[in-house]
């Protein structure tokens, strides 16, 4: 299983939801697959666990092509 962060865009695709829906659900702690950190000036940063996404959906995130190049 991939390590690191699953992009919000990929999570939205897997769940059949919008990027905004995924961000808000994680922020409101209604979607328990990651965390949201609120930083300076209200800027939100998201982390989505590949393991938690797999447990919820059965989708195994293998990383992006950019991840594999490094």
PDB file of N, CA and C in Angstrom:
ATOM      1  N   UNK A   1       0.841  -1.185   0.000  1.00  0.00           N
ATOM      2  CA  UNK A   1       0.000   0.000   0.000  1.00  0.00           C
ATOM      3  C   UNK A   1       0.881   1.241   0.000  1.00  0.00           C
ATOM      4  N   UNK A   2       0.425   2.235  -0.703  1.00  0.00           N
ATOM      5  CA  UNK A   2       1.191   3.486  -0.812  1.00  0.00           C
ATOM      6  C   UNK A   2       1.281   4.178   0.539  1.00  0.00           C
ATOM      7  N   UNK A   3       2.362   4.883   0.718  1.00  0.00           N
ATOM      8  CA  UNK A   3       2.525   5.709   1.906  1.00  0.00           C
ATOM      9  C   UNK A   3       2.294   7.145   1.487  1.00  0.00           C
ATOM     10  N   UNK A   4       2.029   7.980   2.456  1.00  0.00           N
ATOM     11  CA  UNK A   4       1.848   9.385   2.135  1.00  0.00           C
ATOM     12  C   UNK A   4       0.394   9.781   2.118  1.00  0.00           C
ATOM     13  N   UNK A   5       0.120  10.778   1.334  1.00  0.00           N
ATOM     14  CA  UNK A   5      -1.179  11.434   1.306  1.00  0.00           C
ATOM     15  C   UNK A   5      -1.925  11.106   0.016  1.00  0.00           C
ATOM     16  N   UNK A   6      -3.193  10.758   0.140  1.00  0.00           N
ATOM     17  CA  UNK A   6      -4.026  10.571  -1.044  1.00  0.00           C
ATOM     18  C   UNK A   6      -4.576  11.946  -1.424  1.00  0.00           C
ATOM     19  N   UNK A   7      -4.407  12.373  -2.669  1.00  0.00           N
ATOM     20  CA  UNK A   7      -4.927  13.681  -3.082  1.00  0.00           C
ATOM     21  C   UNK A   7      -6.461  13.751  -2.955  1.00  0.00           C
ATOM     22  N   UNK A   8      -6.944  14.905  -2.539  1.00  0.00           N
ATOM     23  CA  UNK A   8      -8.395  15.114  -2.388  1.00  0.00           C
ATOM     24  C   UNK A   8      -9.109  14.820  -3.701  1.00  0.00           C
ATOM     25  N   UNK A   9      -8.523  15.197  -4.811  1.00  0.00           N
ATOM     26  CA  UNK A   9      -9.137  14.960  -6.126  1.00  0.00           C
ATOM     27  C   UNK A   9      -9.371  13.458  -6.349  1.00  0.00           C
ATOM     28  N   UNK A  10      -8.424  12.614  -5.952  1.00  0.00           N
ATOM     29  CA  UNK A  10      -8.563  11.164  -6.101  1.00  0.00           C
ATOM     30  C   UNK A  10      -9.639  10.630  -5.156  1.00  0.00           C
ATOM     31  N   UNK A  11      -9.674  11.129  -3.932  1.00  0.00           N
ATOM     32  CA  UNK A  11     -10.696  10.710  -2.965  1.00  0.00           C
ATOM     33  C   UNK A  11     -12.079  11.048  -3.498  1.00  0.00           C
ATOM     34  N   UNK A  12     -12.234  12.252  -4.039  1.00  0.00           N
ATOM     35  CA  UNK A  12     -13.525  12.677  -4.595  1.00  0.00           C
ATOM     36  C   UNK A  12     -13.940  11.754  -5.737  1.00  0.00           C
ATOM     37  N   UNK A  13     -12.993  11.399  -6.585  1.00  0.00           N
ATOM     38  CA  UNK A  13     -13.275  10.491  -7.703  1.00  0.00           C
ATOM     39  C   UNK A  13     -13.736   9.120  -7.195  1.00  0.00           C
ATOM     40  N   UNK A  14     -13.043   8.587  -6.219  1.00  0.00           N
ATOM     41  CA  UNK A  14     -13.385   7.269  -5.667  1.00  0.00           C
ATOM     42  C   UNK A  14     -14.766   7.287  -5.009  1.00  0.00           C
ATOM     43  N   UNK A  15     -15.072   8.368  -4.293  1.00  0.00           N
ATOM     44  CA  UNK A  15     -16.353   8.459  -3.585  1.00  0.00           C
ATOM     45  C   UNK A  15     -17.503   8.945  -4.457  1.00  0.00           C
ATOM     46  N   UNK A  16     -17.183   9.465  -5.643  1.00  0.00           N
ATOM     47  CA  UNK A  16     -18.224  10.007  -6.503  1.00  0.00           C
ATOM     48  C   UNK A  16     -18.793  11.312  -5.972  1.00  0.00           C
ATOM     49  N   UNK A  17     -17.945  12.083  -5.317  1.00  0.00           N
ATOM     50  CA  UNK A  17     -18.346  13.365  -4.731  1.00  0.00           C
ATOM     51  C   UNK A  17     -17.449  14.465  -5.279  1.00  0.00           C
ATOM     52  N   UNK A  18     -17.751  15.702  -4.938  1.00  0.00           N
ATOM     53  CA  UNK A  18     -16.913  16.828  -5.360  1.00  0.00           C
ATOM     54  C   UNK A  18     -15.738  16.997  -4.402  1.00  0.00           C
ATOM     55  N   UNK A  19     -14.712  17.690  -4.877  1.00  0.00           N
ATOM     56  CA  UNK A  19     -13.563  18.006  -4.022  1.00  0.00           C
ATOM     57  C   UNK A  19     -14.017  18.766  -2.779  1.00  0.00           C
ATOM     58  N   UNK A  20     -14.907  19.727  -2.983  1.00  0.00           N
ATOM     59  CA  UNK A  20     -15.399  20.543  -1.871  1.00  0.00           C
ATOM     60  C   UNK A  20     -16.125  19.686  -0.843  1.00  0.00           C
ATOM     61  N   UNK A  21     -16.955  18.751  -1.298  1.00  0.00           N
ATOM     62  CA  UNK A  21     -17.685  17.861  -0.384  1.00  0.00           C
ATOM     63  C   UNK A  21     -16.704  17.072   0.477  1.00  0.00           C
ATOM     64  N   UNK A  22     -15.672  16.528  -0.138  1.00  0.00           N
ATOM     65  CA  UNK A  22     -14.677  15.738   0.598  1.00  0.00           C
ATOM     66  C   UNK A  22     -13.968  16.608   1.631  1.00  0.00           C
ATOM     67  N   UNK A  23     -13.523  17.792   1.222  1.00  0.00           N
ATOM     68  CA  UNK A  23     -12.823  18.687   2.157  1.00  0.00           C
ATOM     69  C   UNK A  23     -13.708  19.043   3.352  1.00  0.00           C
ATOM     70  N   UNK A  24     -14.958  19.414   3.076  1.00  0.00           N
ATOM     71  CA  UNK A  24     -15.872  19.802   4.157  1.00  0.00           C
ATOM     72  C   UNK A  24     -16.193  18.617   5.068  1.00  0.00           C
ATOM     73  N   UNK A  25     -16.373  17.435   4.503  1.00  0.00           N
ATOM     74  CA  UNK A  25     -16.682  16.249   5.316  1.00  0.00           C
ATOM     75  C   UNK A  25     -15.510  15.896   6.229  1.00  0.00           C
ATOM     76  N   UNK A  26     -14.299  16.016   5.736  1.00  0.00           N
ATOM     77  CA  UNK A  26     -13.124  15.761   6.584  1.00  0.00           C
ATOM     78  C   UNK A  26     -13.013  16.852   7.646  1.00  0.00           C
ATOM     79  N   UNK A  27     -13.170  18.110   7.239  1.00  0.00           N
ATOM     80  CA  UNK A  27     -13.082  19.233   8.169  1.00  0.00           C
ATOM     81  C   UNK A  27     -14.112  19.106   9.296  1.00  0.00           C
ATOM     82  N   UNK A  28     -15.329  18.694   8.960  1.00  0.00           N
ATOM     83  CA  UNK A  28     -16.399  18.556   9.942  1.00  0.00           C
ATOM     84  C   UNK A  28     -16.351  17.218  10.679  1.00  0.00           C
ATOM     85  N   UNK A  29     -15.342  16.423  10.407  1.00  0.00           N
ATOM     86  CA  UNK A  29     -15.124  15.114  11.022  1.00  0.00           C
ATOM     87  C   UNK A  29     -16.291  14.158  10.772  1.00  0.00           C
ATOM     88  N   UNK A  30     -16.893  14.281   9.590  1.00  0.00           N
ATOM     89  CA  UNK A  30     -17.970  13.378   9.180  1.00  0.00           C
ATOM     90  C   UNK A  30     -17.439  12.266   8.283  1.00  0.00           C
ATOM     91  N   UNK A  31     -16.216  12.443   7.794  1.00  0.00           N
ATOM     92  CA  UNK A  31     -15.563  11.458   6.938  1.00  0.00           C
ATOM     93  C   UNK A  31     -14.220  11.147   7.597  1.00  0.00           C
ATOM     94  N   UNK A  32     -14.150   9.987   8.243  1.00  0.00           N
ATOM     95  CA  UNK A  32     -12.989   9.647   9.067  1.00  0.00           C
ATOM     96  C   UNK A  32     -11.922   8.911   8.257  1.00  0.00           C
ATOM     97  N   UNK A  33     -11.329   9.627   7.310  1.00  0.00           N
ATOM     98  CA  UNK A  33     -10.262   9.026   6.508  1.00  0.00           C
ATOM     99  C   UNK A  33      -8.995   9.859   6.557  1.00  0.00           C
ATOM    100  N   UNK A  34      -9.033  10.941   7.313  1.00  0.00           N
ATOM    101  CA  UNK A  34      -7.871  11.809   7.387  1.00  0.00           C
ATOM    102  C   UNK A  34      -8.095  12.934   8.361  1.00  0.00           C
ATOM    103  N   UNK A  35      -7.260  13.945   8.222  1.00  0.00           N
ATOM    104  CA  UNK A  35      -7.332  15.078   9.133  1.00  0.00           C
ATOM    105  C   UNK A  35      -7.251  16.399   8.365  1.00  0.00           C
ATOM    106  N   UNK A  36      -7.713  17.427   9.040  1.00  0.00           N
ATOM    107  CA  UNK A  36      -7.622  18.786   8.518  1.00  0.00           C
ATOM    108  C   UNK A  36      -6.926  19.637   9.566  1.00  0.00           C
ATOM    109  N   UNK A  37      -5.908  20.344   9.135  1.00  0.00           N
ATOM    110  CA  UNK A  37      -5.199  21.276  10.005  1.00  0.00           C
ATOM    111  C   UNK A  37      -5.526  22.683   9.512  1.00  0.00           C
ATOM    112  N   UNK A  38      -5.976  23.521  10.435  1.00  0.00           N
ATOM    113  CA  UNK A  38      -6.271  24.913  10.084  1.00  0.00           C
ATOM    114  C   UNK A  38      -5.095  25.758  10.539  1.00  0.00           C
ATOM    115  N   UNK A  39      -4.439  26.382   9.582  1.00  0.00           N
ATOM    116  CA  UNK A  39      -3.249  27.173   9.881  1.00  0.00           C
ATOM    117  C   UNK A  39      -3.536  28.657   9.915  1.00  0.00           C
ATOM    118  N   UNK A  40      -2.489  29.394   9.693  1.00  0.00           N
ATOM    119  CA  UNK A  40      -2.576  30.851   9.709  1.00  0.00           C
ATOM    120  C   UNK A  40      -3.588  31.348   8.688  1.00  0.00           C
ATOM    121  N   UNK A  41      -4.321  32.353   9.069  1.00  0.00           N
ATOM    122  CA  UNK A  41      -5.307  32.999   8.194  1.00  0.00           C
ATOM    123  C   UNK A  41      -6.408  32.034   7.753  1.00  0.00           C
ATOM    124  N   UNK A  42      -6.634  30.961   8.512  1.00  0.00           N
ATOM    125  CA  UNK A  42      -7.710  30.028   8.204  1.00  0.00           C
ATOM    126  C   UNK A  42      -7.415  29.066   7.076  1.00  0.00           C
ATOM    127  N   UNK A  43      -6.185  29.034   6.590  1.00  0.00           N
ATOM    128  CA  UNK A  43      -5.827  28.121   5.500  1.00  0.00           C
ATOM    129  C   UNK A  43      -5.897  26.681   5.999  1.00  0.00           C
ATOM    130  N   UNK A  44      -6.583  25.836   5.250  1.00  0.00           N
ATOM    131  CA  UNK A  44      -6.751  24.433   5.622  1.00  0.00           C
ATOM    132  C   UNK A  44      -5.803  23.545   4.833  1.00  0.00           C
ATOM    133  N   UNK A  45      -5.201  22.596   5.529  1.00  0.00           N
ATOM    134  CA  UNK A  45      -4.364  21.580   4.897  1.00  0.00           C
ATOM    135  C   UNK A  45      -4.959  20.217   5.251  1.00  0.00           C
ATOM    136  N   UNK A  46      -4.999  19.336   4.271  1.00  0.00           N
ATOM    137  CA  UNK A  46      -5.630  18.034   4.464  1.00  0.00           C
ATOM    138  C   UNK A  46      -4.643  16.901   4.286  1.00  0.00           C
ATOM    139  N   UNK A  47      -4.819  15.863   5.092  1.00  0.00           N
ATOM    140  CA  UNK A  47      -4.092  14.612   4.938  1.00  0.00           C
ATOM    141  C   UNK A  47      -5.135  13.509   4.861  1.00  0.00           C
ATOM    142  N   UNK A  48      -5.036  12.645   3.840  1.00  0.00           N
ATOM    143  CA  UNK A  48      -5.928  11.493   3.717  1.00  0.00           C
ATOM    144  C   UNK A  48      -5.070  10.239   3.762  1.00  0.00           C
ATOM    145  N   UNK A  49      -5.400   9.355   4.681  1.00  0.00           N
ATOM    146  CA  UNK A  49      -4.666   8.112   4.871  1.00  0.00           C
ATOM    147  C   UNK A  49      -5.044   7.092   3.798  1.00  0.00           C
ATOM    148  N   UNK A  50      -4.061   6.546   3.086  1.00  0.00           N
ATOM    149  CA  UNK A  50      -4.363   5.496   2.109  1.00  0.00           C
ATOM    150  C   UNK A  50      -5.027   4.281   2.773  1.00  0.00           C
ATOM    151  N   UNK A  51      -4.597   3.943   3.986  1.00  0.00           N
ATOM    152  CA  UNK A  51      -5.160   2.796   4.711  1.00  0.00           C
ATOM    153  C   UNK A  51      -6.631   3.023   5.062  1.00  0.00           C
ATOM    154  N   UNK A  52      -6.948   4.208   5.578  1.00  0.00           N
ATOM    155  CA  UNK A  52      -8.342   4.495   5.950  1.00  0.00           C
ATOM    156  C   UNK A  52      -9.243   4.564   4.722  1.00  0.00           C
ATOM    157  N   UNK A  53      -8.724   5.106   3.619  1.00  0.00           N
ATOM    158  CA  UNK A  53      -9.515   5.127   2.385  1.00  0.00           C
ATOM    159  C   UNK A  53      -9.792   3.699   1.922  1.00  0.00           C
ATOM    160  N   UNK A  54      -8.798   2.837   2.003  1.00  0.00           N
ATOM    161  CA  UNK A  54      -8.969   1.431   1.628  1.00  0.00           C
ATOM    162  C   UNK A  54      -9.997   0.742   2.519  1.00  0.00           C
ATOM    163  N   UNK A  55      -9.915   0.968   3.814  1.00  0.00           N
ATOM    164  CA  UNK A  55     -10.860   0.349   4.756  1.00  0.00           C
ATOM    165  C   UNK A  55     -12.294   0.789   4.480  1.00  0.00           C
ATOM    166  N   UNK A  56     -12.478   2.039   4.079  1.00  0.00           N
ATOM    167  CA  UNK A  56     -13.819   2.565   3.816  1.00  0.00           C
ATOM    168  C   UNK A  56     -14.367   2.107   2.469  1.00  0.00           C
ATOM    169  N   UNK A  57     -13.501   2.087   1.449  1.00  0.00           N
ATOM    170  CA  UNK A  57     -13.996   1.890   0.087  1.00  0.00           C
ATOM    171  C   UNK A  57     -13.499   0.633  -0.614  1.00  0.00           C
ATOM    172  N   UNK A  58     -12.396   0.068  -0.129  1.00  0.00           N
ATOM    173  CA  UNK A  58     -11.779  -1.051  -0.832  1.00  0.00           C
ATOM    174  C   UNK A  58     -10.856  -0.602  -1.948  1.00  0.00           C
ATOM    175  N   UNK A  59     -10.707   0.714  -2.133  1.00  0.00           N
ATOM    176  CA  UNK A  59      -9.819   1.258  -3.163  1.00  0.00           C
ATOM    177  C   UNK A  59      -8.413   1.363  -2.595  1.00  0.00           C
ATOM    178  N   UNK A  60      -7.449   0.745  -3.275  1.00  0.00           N
ATOM    179  CA  UNK A  60      -6.066   0.794  -2.823  1.00  0.00           C
ATOM    180  C   UNK A  60      -5.308   1.850  -3.627  1.00  0.00           C
ATOM    181  N   UNK A  61      -4.947   2.934  -2.973  1.00  0.00           N
ATOM    182  CA  UNK A  61      -4.192   4.006  -3.615  1.00  0.00           C
ATOM    183  C   UNK A  61      -2.740   3.576  -3.735  1.00  0.00           C
ATOM    184  N   UNK A  62      -2.224   3.596  -4.952  1.00  0.00           N
ATOM    185  CA  UNK A  62      -0.854   3.154  -5.208  1.00  0.00           C
ATOM    186  C   UNK A  62       0.121   4.312  -5.367  1.00  0.00           C
ATOM    187  N   UNK A  63      -0.349   5.507  -5.202  1.00  0.00           N
ATOM    188  CA  UNK A  63       0.505   6.681  -5.372  1.00  0.00           C
ATOM    189  C   UNK A  63       0.364   7.228  -6.777  1.00  0.00           C
ATOM    190  N   UNK A  64       0.813   8.451  -6.950  1.00  0.00           N
ATOM    191  CA  UNK A  64       0.741   9.077  -8.263  1.00  0.00           C
ATOM    192  C   UNK A  64       2.015   8.788  -9.035  1.00  0.00           C
ATOM    193  N   UNK A  65       2.015   9.101 -10.299  1.00  0.00           N
ATOM    194  CA  UNK A  65       3.219   8.951 -11.105  1.00  0.00           C
ATOM    195  C   UNK A  65       4.340   9.836 -10.565  1.00  0.00           C
ATOM    196  N   UNK A  66       3.975  11.002 -10.019  1.00  0.00           N
ATOM    197  CA  UNK A  66       4.975  11.881  -9.429  1.00  0.00           C
ATOM    198  C   UNK A  66       5.630  11.230  -8.218  1.00  0.00           C
ATOM    199  N   UNK A  67       4.843  10.502  -7.404  1.00  0.00           N
ATOM    200  CA  UNK A  67       5.382   9.800  -6.248  1.00  0.00           C
ATOM    201  C   UNK A  67       6.377   8.729  -6.679  1.00  0.00           C
ATOM    202  N   UNK A  68       6.055   8.020  -7.760  1.00  0.00           N
ATOM    203  CA  UNK A  68       6.896   6.919  -8.233  1.00  0.00           C
ATOM    204  C   UNK A  68       8.207   7.406  -8.827  1.00  0.00           C
ATOM    205  N   UNK A  69       8.217   8.647  -9.344  1.00  0.00           N
ATOM    206  CA  UNK A  69       9.420   9.197  -9.969  1.00  0.00           C
ATOM    207  C   UNK A  69      10.472   9.558  -8.919  1.00  0.00           C
ATOM    208  N   UNK A  70      10.030   9.793  -7.678  1.00  0.00           N
ATOM    209  CA  UNK A  70      10.969  10.220  -6.617  1.00  0.00           C
ATOM    210  C   UNK A  70      11.589   9.054  -5.901  1.00  0.00           C
TER     211      UNK A  70
END
